[in-house]
Protein backbone atom coordinates (compact mmCIF):
# COMPACT_ATOMS: atom_id res chain seq x y z
CA MET A 1 -4.09 -17.08 -20.05
CA SER A 2 -3.05 -18.33 -23.25
CA GLU A 3 -0.06 -18.94 -24.99
CA ILE A 4 -0.79 -16.01 -27.54
CA PHE A 5 -0.84 -13.68 -24.68
CA PHE A 6 2.05 -14.89 -23.11
CA ASN A 7 4.15 -14.38 -26.67
CA GLU A 8 3.03 -10.93 -27.09
CA LEU A 9 3.66 -9.69 -23.80
CA GLU A 10 7.44 -11.50 -24.30
CA LYS A 11 7.20 -9.22 -27.37
CA LYS A 12 6.30 -5.80 -25.64
CA VAL A 13 8.74 -6.52 -22.78
CA LYS A 14 11.24 -7.20 -25.32
CA LYS A 15 10.69 -4.13 -26.91
CA ILE A 16 11.07 -1.80 -23.93
CA LYS A 17 14.18 -3.51 -23.01
CA ILE A 18 13.36 -5.05 -19.72
CA GLU A 19 15.87 -7.14 -18.27
CA GLY A 20 13.91 -9.46 -16.02
CA PHE A 21 10.24 -9.81 -15.37
CA VAL A 22 7.86 -12.42 -13.59
CA ILE A 23 4.52 -13.38 -13.01
CA TYR A 24 3.36 -15.80 -10.05
CA LYS A 25 0.19 -16.88 -9.62
CA GLY A 26 -0.19 -17.64 -6.28
CA ASN A 27 3.02 -20.00 -5.86
CA THR A 28 3.20 -21.23 -9.54
CA ARG A 29 5.42 -19.06 -12.11
CA ILE A 30 3.47 -18.96 -15.28
CA PHE A 31 5.57 -16.64 -16.89
CA GLU A 32 9.06 -15.65 -16.79
CA TYR A 33 11.59 -13.37 -19.60
CA LEU A 34 14.95 -13.43 -18.66
CA LYS A 35 16.67 -10.95 -21.25
CA ASN A 36 19.82 -13.26 -20.87
CA LYS A 37 21.90 -15.76 -18.01
CA LYS A 38 23.76 -12.41 -16.42
CA VAL A 39 20.06 -11.15 -14.98
CA VAL A 40 19.94 -14.46 -12.69
CA GLU A 41 23.72 -14.42 -11.79
CA LYS A 42 23.45 -10.46 -11.14
CA PRO A 43 20.28 -9.11 -10.03
CA THR A 44 19.89 -5.70 -10.64
CA LYS A 45 19.47 -3.45 -7.54
CA VAL A 46 15.28 -2.21 -7.17
CA TYR A 47 15.06 0.23 -4.08
CA SER A 48 13.11 2.71 -5.95
CA ILE A 49 11.07 0.05 -7.79
CA THR A 50 10.18 -1.42 -4.15
CA LYS A 51 8.85 2.14 -2.79
CA SER A 52 6.46 2.18 -5.85
CA ILE A 53 5.22 -1.07 -4.77
CA VAL A 54 5.11 -1.08 -1.37
CA SER A 55 3.32 2.78 -2.23
CA ILE A 56 0.55 0.57 -4.26
CA LEU A 57 0.22 -2.15 -1.87
CA ILE A 58 -0.98 0.58 0.73
CA GLY A 59 -3.24 2.25 -1.33
CA ILE A 60 -4.95 -1.22 -1.83
CA MET A 61 -5.10 -2.15 1.51
CA VAL A 62 -6.42 1.49 2.27
CA ASP A 63 -9.16 1.16 -0.31
CA LYS A 64 -10.13 -2.37 1.14
CA GLY A 65 -10.48 -0.73 4.50
CA LEU A 66 -7.49 -3.23 5.73
CA ILE A 67 -5.99 0.06 7.07
CA LYS A 68 -7.79 2.47 8.49
CA ASN A 69 -5.69 5.60 8.75
CA ILE A 70 -2.51 6.00 6.95
CA GLN A 71 -1.22 8.18 9.94
CA GLU A 72 -1.29 5.21 12.07
CA PRO A 73 2.33 3.43 13.21
CA ILE A 74 3.25 0.28 11.25
CA TYR A 75 3.49 -1.50 14.39
CA ASN A 76 -0.07 -1.60 15.12
CA TYR A 77 -0.17 -4.06 12.23
CA PHE A 78 2.81 -6.09 13.54
CA ARG A 79 2.58 -6.34 17.10
CA LYS A 80 3.86 -9.67 17.01
CA TYR A 81 7.38 -8.93 15.84
């Protein structure tokens, strides 16, 4: 992605008052915006966001056929643990 894209993304992130925003591609951090150093020192609790992300990921897995039935117990996918 181009530097212009990331500059525009940073402007938009600042405009909607996000405190921190990070994008990874694989194991490489390709974009990071932090409002200030306190964001790193005192992370915000994101309990509701976590539930939303898990729901989105489950939906993607259902669409790709990785989960055949949402009523199936989760332990079927993590028998090792």
